[in-house]
C-alpha atoms as a PDB file:
ATOM      1  CA  MET A   1      22.290   9.376  -6.415  1.00  0.00           C
ATOM      2  CA  GLY A   2      21.479  11.271  -3.245  1.00  0.00           C
ATOM      3  CA  ALA A   3      18.522  11.087  -0.923  1.00  0.00           C
ATOM      4  CA  PRO A   4      15.262   9.939  -2.513  1.00  0.00           C
ATOM      5  CA  LYS A   5      12.440  12.479  -2.449  1.00  0.00           C
ATOM      6  CA  VAL A   6       9.596   9.999  -2.963  1.00  0.00           C
ATOM      7  CA  VAL A   7       9.648   6.223  -2.529  1.00  0.00           C
ATOM      8  CA  VAL A   8       6.722   3.929  -3.354  1.00  0.00           C
ATOM      9  CA  HIS A   9       6.332   0.527  -1.717  1.00  0.00           C
ATOM     10  CA  ASN A  10       4.092  -1.550  -3.963  1.00  0.00           C
ATOM     11  CA  ALA A  11       5.145  -5.087  -3.034  1.00  0.00           C
ATOM     12  CA  LEU A  12       2.379  -7.664  -2.726  1.00  0.00           C
ATOM     13  CA  ARG A  13       2.112 -11.353  -1.960  1.00  0.00           C
ATOM     14  CA  SER A  14      -1.266 -12.968  -1.561  1.00  0.00           C
ATOM     15  CA  THR A  15      -2.086 -16.581  -0.867  1.00  0.00           C
ATOM     16  CA  ARG A  16      -5.702 -17.518  -0.305  1.00  0.00           C
ATOM     17  CA  GLY A  17      -7.442 -20.450   1.251  1.00  0.00           C
ATOM     18  CA  GLY A  18      -8.863 -21.825   4.457  1.00  0.00           C
ATOM     19  CA  ILE A  19      -6.938 -21.388   7.693  1.00  0.00           C
ATOM     20  CA  LEU A  20      -6.744 -25.150   8.309  1.00  0.00           C
ATOM     21  CA  GLU A  21      -5.762 -25.956   4.724  1.00  0.00           C
ATOM     22  CA  MET A  22      -3.054 -23.362   4.190  1.00  0.00           C
ATOM     23  CA  ASP A  23       0.603 -24.033   4.932  1.00  0.00           C
ATOM     24  CA  PRO A  24       1.807 -21.779   7.778  1.00  0.00           C
ATOM     25  CA  GLU A  25       4.912 -21.088   5.680  1.00  0.00           C
ATOM     26  CA  ASP A  26       2.645 -19.154   3.297  1.00  0.00           C
ATOM     27  CA  LEU A  27       1.783 -16.797   6.136  1.00  0.00           C
ATOM     28  CA  GLU A  28       5.502 -16.257   6.740  1.00  0.00           C
ATOM     29  CA  ARG A  29       6.147 -15.647   3.035  1.00  0.00           C
ATOM     30  CA  ASN A  30       3.258 -13.164   2.802  1.00  0.00           C
ATOM     31  CA  PHE A  31       4.558 -11.368   5.881  1.00  0.00           C
ATOM     32  CA  ARG A  32       8.074 -11.106   4.445  1.00  0.00           C
ATOM     33  CA  VAL A  33       6.804  -9.428   1.280  1.00  0.00           C
ATOM     34  CA  ASN A  34       3.931  -7.354   2.668  1.00  0.00           C
ATOM     35  CA  ALA A  35       5.489  -6.145   5.945  1.00  0.00           C
ATOM     36  CA  THR A  36       9.159  -7.026   6.325  1.00  0.00           C
ATOM     37  CA  ALA A  37      10.051  -5.684   2.866  1.00  0.00           C
ATOM     38  CA  LEU A  38       8.517  -2.350   3.901  1.00  0.00           C
ATOM     39  CA  LEU A  39      10.769  -2.275   6.956  1.00  0.00           C
ATOM     40  CA  TYR A  40      13.874  -2.937   4.846  1.00  0.00           C
ATOM     41  CA  LEU A  41      12.857  -0.275   2.326  1.00  0.00           C
ATOM     42  CA  ALA A  42      12.396   2.308   5.081  1.00  0.00           C
ATOM     43  CA  ARG A  43      15.704   1.409   6.728  1.00  0.00           C
ATOM     44  CA  GLU A  44      17.443   1.839   3.374  1.00  0.00           C
ATOM     45  CA  THR A  45      15.826   5.138   2.355  1.00  0.00           C
ATOM     46  CA  PHE A  46      15.001   6.988   5.597  1.00  0.00           C
ATOM     47  CA  PRO A  47      18.601   7.885   6.553  1.00  0.00           C
ATOM     48  CA  GLY A  48      19.027   9.962   3.378  1.00  0.00           C
ATOM     49  CA  MET A  49      15.610  11.544   3.828  1.00  0.00           C
ATOM     50  CA  LEU A  50      16.427  12.376   7.454  1.00  0.00           C
ATOM     51  CA  GLU A  51      19.673  13.998   6.387  1.00  0.00           C
ATOM     52  CA  ALA A  52      17.812  16.031   3.753  1.00  0.00           C
ATOM     53  CA  GLY A  53      15.048  16.897   6.218  1.00  0.00           C
ATOM     54  CA  GLU A  54      12.358  15.776   3.812  1.00  0.00           C
ATOM     55  CA  GLY A  55      10.972  12.874   1.838  1.00  0.00           C
ATOM     56  CA  ALA A  56       7.893  10.746   1.333  1.00  0.00           C
ATOM     57  CA  LEU A  57       7.226   7.031   1.598  1.00  0.00           C
ATOM     58  CA  LEU A  58       3.977   5.967  -0.053  1.00  0.00           C
ATOM     59  CA  ILE A  59       2.680   2.464   0.603  1.00  0.00           C
ATOM     60  CA  THR A  60       0.019   0.763  -1.511  1.00  0.00           C
ATOM     61  CA  GLY A  61      -2.437  -1.491   0.258  1.00  0.00           C
ATOM     62  CA  ASN A  62      -6.061  -2.456  -0.073  1.00  0.00           C
ATOM     63  CA  THR A  63      -9.159  -3.094   2.017  1.00  0.00           C
ATOM     64  CA  ALA A  64      -7.721  -6.423   3.149  1.00  0.00           C
ATOM     65  CA  ALA A  65      -5.620  -4.307   5.530  1.00  0.00           C
ATOM     66  CA  THR A  66      -8.787  -3.309   7.395  1.00  0.00           C
ATOM     67  CA  ARG A  67     -10.778  -6.547   7.630  1.00  0.00           C
ATOM     68  CA  GLY A  68     -10.501 -10.298   7.607  1.00  0.00           C
ATOM     69  CA  LYS A  69     -12.575 -12.372   5.211  1.00  0.00           C
ATOM     70  CA  LYS A  70     -12.993 -16.075   4.628  1.00  0.00           C
ATOM     71  CA  ASN A  71     -10.042 -17.461   2.643  1.00  0.00           C
ATOM     72  CA  PHE A  72      -8.104 -14.185   2.993  1.00  0.00           C
ATOM     73  CA  GLY A  73      -6.677 -14.657   6.513  1.00  0.00           C
ATOM     74  CA  PHE A  74      -3.041 -15.048   5.476  1.00  0.00           C
ATOM     75  CA  PHE A  75      -3.228 -12.074   3.124  1.00  0.00           C
ATOM     76  CA  ALA A  76      -5.356  -9.744   5.270  1.00  0.00           C
ATOM     77  CA  SER A  77      -3.342 -10.270   8.435  1.00  0.00           C
ATOM     78  CA  THR A  78      -0.074  -9.379   6.717  1.00  0.00           C
ATOM     79  CA  LYS A  79      -1.563  -6.338   4.958  1.00  0.00           C
ATOM     80  CA  ALA A  80      -2.930  -5.185   8.341  1.00  0.00           C
ATOM     81  CA  ALA A  81       0.567  -5.576   9.783  1.00  0.00           C
ATOM     82  CA  GLN A  82       1.894  -3.522   6.887  1.00  0.00           C
ATOM     83  CA  ARG A  83      -0.641  -0.748   7.591  1.00  0.00           C
ATOM     84  CA  ILE A  84       0.178  -0.649  11.303  1.00  0.00           C
ATOM     85  CA  LEU A  85       3.926  -0.612  10.570  1.00  0.00           C
ATOM     86  CA  ALA A  86       3.351   2.274   8.158  1.00  0.00           C
ATOM     87  CA  GLU A  87       1.365   4.184  10.787  1.00  0.00           C
ATOM     88  CA  SER A  88       4.154   3.660  13.319  1.00  0.00           C
ATOM     89  CA  MET A  89       6.643   4.993  10.771  1.00  0.00           C
ATOM     90  CA  ALA A  90       4.434   8.017  10.099  1.00  0.00           C
ATOM     91  CA  ARG A  91       4.219   8.859  13.792  1.00  0.00           C
ATOM     92  CA  GLU A  92       7.956   8.371  14.376  1.00  0.00           C
ATOM     93  CA  PHE A  93       9.345  10.040  11.273  1.00  0.00           C
ATOM     94  CA  GLY A  94       6.677  12.605  10.380  1.00  0.00           C
ATOM     95  CA  PRO A  95       7.972  15.077  12.964  1.00  0.00           C
ATOM     96  CA  GLN A  96      11.396  14.658  11.350  1.00  0.00           C
ATOM     97  CA  GLY A  97      10.140  15.655   7.893  1.00  0.00           C
ATOM     98  CA  ILE A  98       9.291  12.281   6.330  1.00  0.00           C
ATOM     99  CA  HIS A  99       5.727  11.996   5.083  1.00  0.00           C
ATOM    100  CA  VAL A 100       4.479   8.395   5.259  1.00  0.00           C
ATOM    101  CA  ALA A 101       1.100   7.681   3.656  1.00  0.00           C
ATOM    102  CA  TYR A 102      -0.888   4.464   3.236  1.00  0.00           C
ATOM    103  CA  PHE A 103      -3.116   4.076   0.178  1.00  0.00           C
ATOM    104  CA  ILE A 104      -6.025   1.677   0.383  1.00  0.00           C
ATOM    105  CA  ILE A 105      -6.814   0.941  -3.232  1.00  0.00           C
ATOM    106  CA  ASP A 106     -10.250  -0.672  -3.214  1.00  0.00           C
ATOM    107  CA  ALA A 107     -10.470  -1.466  -6.888  1.00  0.00           C
ATOM    108  CA  ALA A 108      -9.481  -3.628  -9.772  1.00  0.00           C
ATOM    109  CA  ILE A 109      -6.729  -1.665 -11.486  1.00  0.00           C
ATOM    110  CA  ASP A 110      -7.059  -1.386 -15.244  1.00  0.00           C
ATOM    111  CA  THR A 111      -3.944  -3.030 -16.633  1.00  0.00           C
ATOM    112  CA  PRO A 112      -3.520  -5.334 -19.610  1.00  0.00           C
ATOM    113  CA  ARG A 113      -3.121  -8.222 -17.152  1.00  0.00           C
ATOM    114  CA  THR A 114      -5.898  -7.527 -14.652  1.00  0.00           C
ATOM    115  CA  ARG A 115      -8.753  -6.648 -16.980  1.00  0.00           C
ATOM    116  CA  PRO A 116      -8.900  -9.989 -18.817  1.00  0.00           C
ATOM    117  CA  LEU A 117      -8.097 -11.914 -15.634  1.00  0.00           C
ATOM    118  CA  LEU A 118     -10.513 -10.286 -13.165  1.00  0.00           C
ATOM    119  CA  ALA A 119     -13.409  -8.872 -15.111  1.00  0.00           C
ATOM    120  CA  PRO A 120     -13.222  -9.026 -18.899  1.00  0.00           C
ATOM    121  CA  ASP A 121     -16.917  -8.180 -19.245  1.00  0.00           C
ATOM    122  CA  LYS A 122     -16.910  -5.114 -16.965  1.00  0.00           C
ATOM    123  CA  PRO A 123     -17.176  -1.543 -18.295  1.00  0.00           C
ATOM    124  CA  ASP A 124     -14.325   0.965 -17.963  1.00  0.00           C
ATOM    125  CA  GLU A 125     -16.022   2.531 -14.922  1.00  0.00           C
ATOM    126  CA  PHE A 126     -15.462  -0.684 -12.951  1.00  0.00           C
ATOM    127  CA  PHE A 127     -11.687  -0.197 -12.976  1.00  0.00           C
ATOM    128  CA  ALA A 128      -9.359   2.319 -11.381  1.00  0.00           C
ATOM    129  CA  LYS A 129      -7.030   3.958 -13.880  1.00  0.00           C
ATOM    130  CA  PRO A 130      -3.326   3.663 -13.059  1.00  0.00           C
ATOM    131  CA  SER A 131      -2.818   7.283 -14.114  1.00  0.00           C
ATOM    132  CA  ALA A 132      -5.511   8.468 -11.669  1.00  0.00           C
ATOM    133  CA  ILE A 133      -3.897   6.496  -8.829  1.00  0.00           C
ATOM    134  CA  ALA A 134      -0.494   7.977  -9.728  1.00  0.00           C
ATOM    135  CA  GLU A 135      -1.933  11.511  -9.777  1.00  0.00           C
ATOM    136  CA  GLU A 136      -3.376  11.084  -6.276  1.00  0.00           C
ATOM    137  CA  MET A 137      -0.114   9.639  -4.984  1.00  0.00           C
ATOM    138  CA  TYR A 138       1.793  12.556  -6.505  1.00  0.00           C
ATOM    139  CA  TYR A 139      -0.578  15.010  -4.843  1.00  0.00           C
ATOM    140  CA  VAL A 140      -0.206  13.356  -1.419  1.00  0.00           C
ATOM    141  CA  ALA A 141       3.590  13.187  -1.744  1.00  0.00           C
ATOM    142  CA  HIS A 142       3.654  16.943  -2.276  1.00  0.00           C
ATOM    143  CA  GLN A 143       1.110  18.065   0.322  1.00  0.00           C
ATOM    144  CA  ASP A 144       1.795  21.031   2.532  1.00  0.00           C
ATOM    145  CA  ARG A 145       3.323  19.859   5.824  1.00  0.00           C
ATOM    146  CA  SER A 146       0.514  21.517   7.743  1.00  0.00           C
ATOM    147  CA  ALA A 147      -2.030  19.032   6.375  1.00  0.00           C
ATOM    148  CA  TRP A 148      -0.432  15.681   5.629  1.00  0.00           C
ATOM    149  CA  SER A 149      -2.670  12.717   4.873  1.00  0.00           C
ATOM    150  CA  PHE A 150      -1.871   9.265   6.210  1.00  0.00           C
ATOM    151  CA  ARG A 151      -4.681   6.927   5.173  1.00  0.00           C
ATOM    152  CA  VAL A 152      -5.993   7.595   1.686  1.00  0.00           C
ATOM    153  CA  GLU A 153      -8.734   5.425   0.175  1.00  0.00           C
ATOM    154  CA  LEU A 154      -9.188   5.219  -3.568  1.00  0.00           C
ATOM    155  CA  ARG A 155     -12.004   3.481  -5.393  1.00  0.00           C
ATOM    156  CA  PRO A 156     -13.923   3.902  -8.662  1.00  0.00           C
ATOM    157  CA  PHE A 157     -17.096   5.962  -8.316  1.00  0.00           C
ATOM    158  CA  GLY A 158     -19.248   2.907  -9.060  1.00  0.00           C
ATOM    159  CA  GLU A 159     -17.656   0.722  -6.382  1.00  0.00           C
ATOM    160  CA  VAL A 160     -20.171  -0.682  -3.880  1.00  0.00           C
ATOM    161  CA  TRP A 161     -18.514  -0.379  -0.499  1.00  0.00           C
END
């Protein structure tokens, strides 16, 4: 099929609980999905992008990648590793024409599954629209090389942050 132009890494594994109560294997499993899978994806897609001299790898993350919170240690630490791996990729492969960007999505995303699960009583403004997230990712994937973004934060206008 040729070299991919744009690849999106949207893998997520999150286990929550106290550091002393959680099974260390859960940390390993989170790491394999949140960080190691990103490495495998890059190793599979970058050679074609390098040959083409262009391409974009967009990684979805969240604020857990920037801070640790009670009961989120296993998740946050692996999302932080994912963010740092992505930044290393951006610095190594950007000069070779591959745009790597990390999206911190600080929001509940409005899907048929998340709305009833997370906040069934919240108004539409509480949620981020999948189409709006996709539009921003499309824009970043097609930025002029003279002004590439790496870390992009998205949140609904009403989000208290």
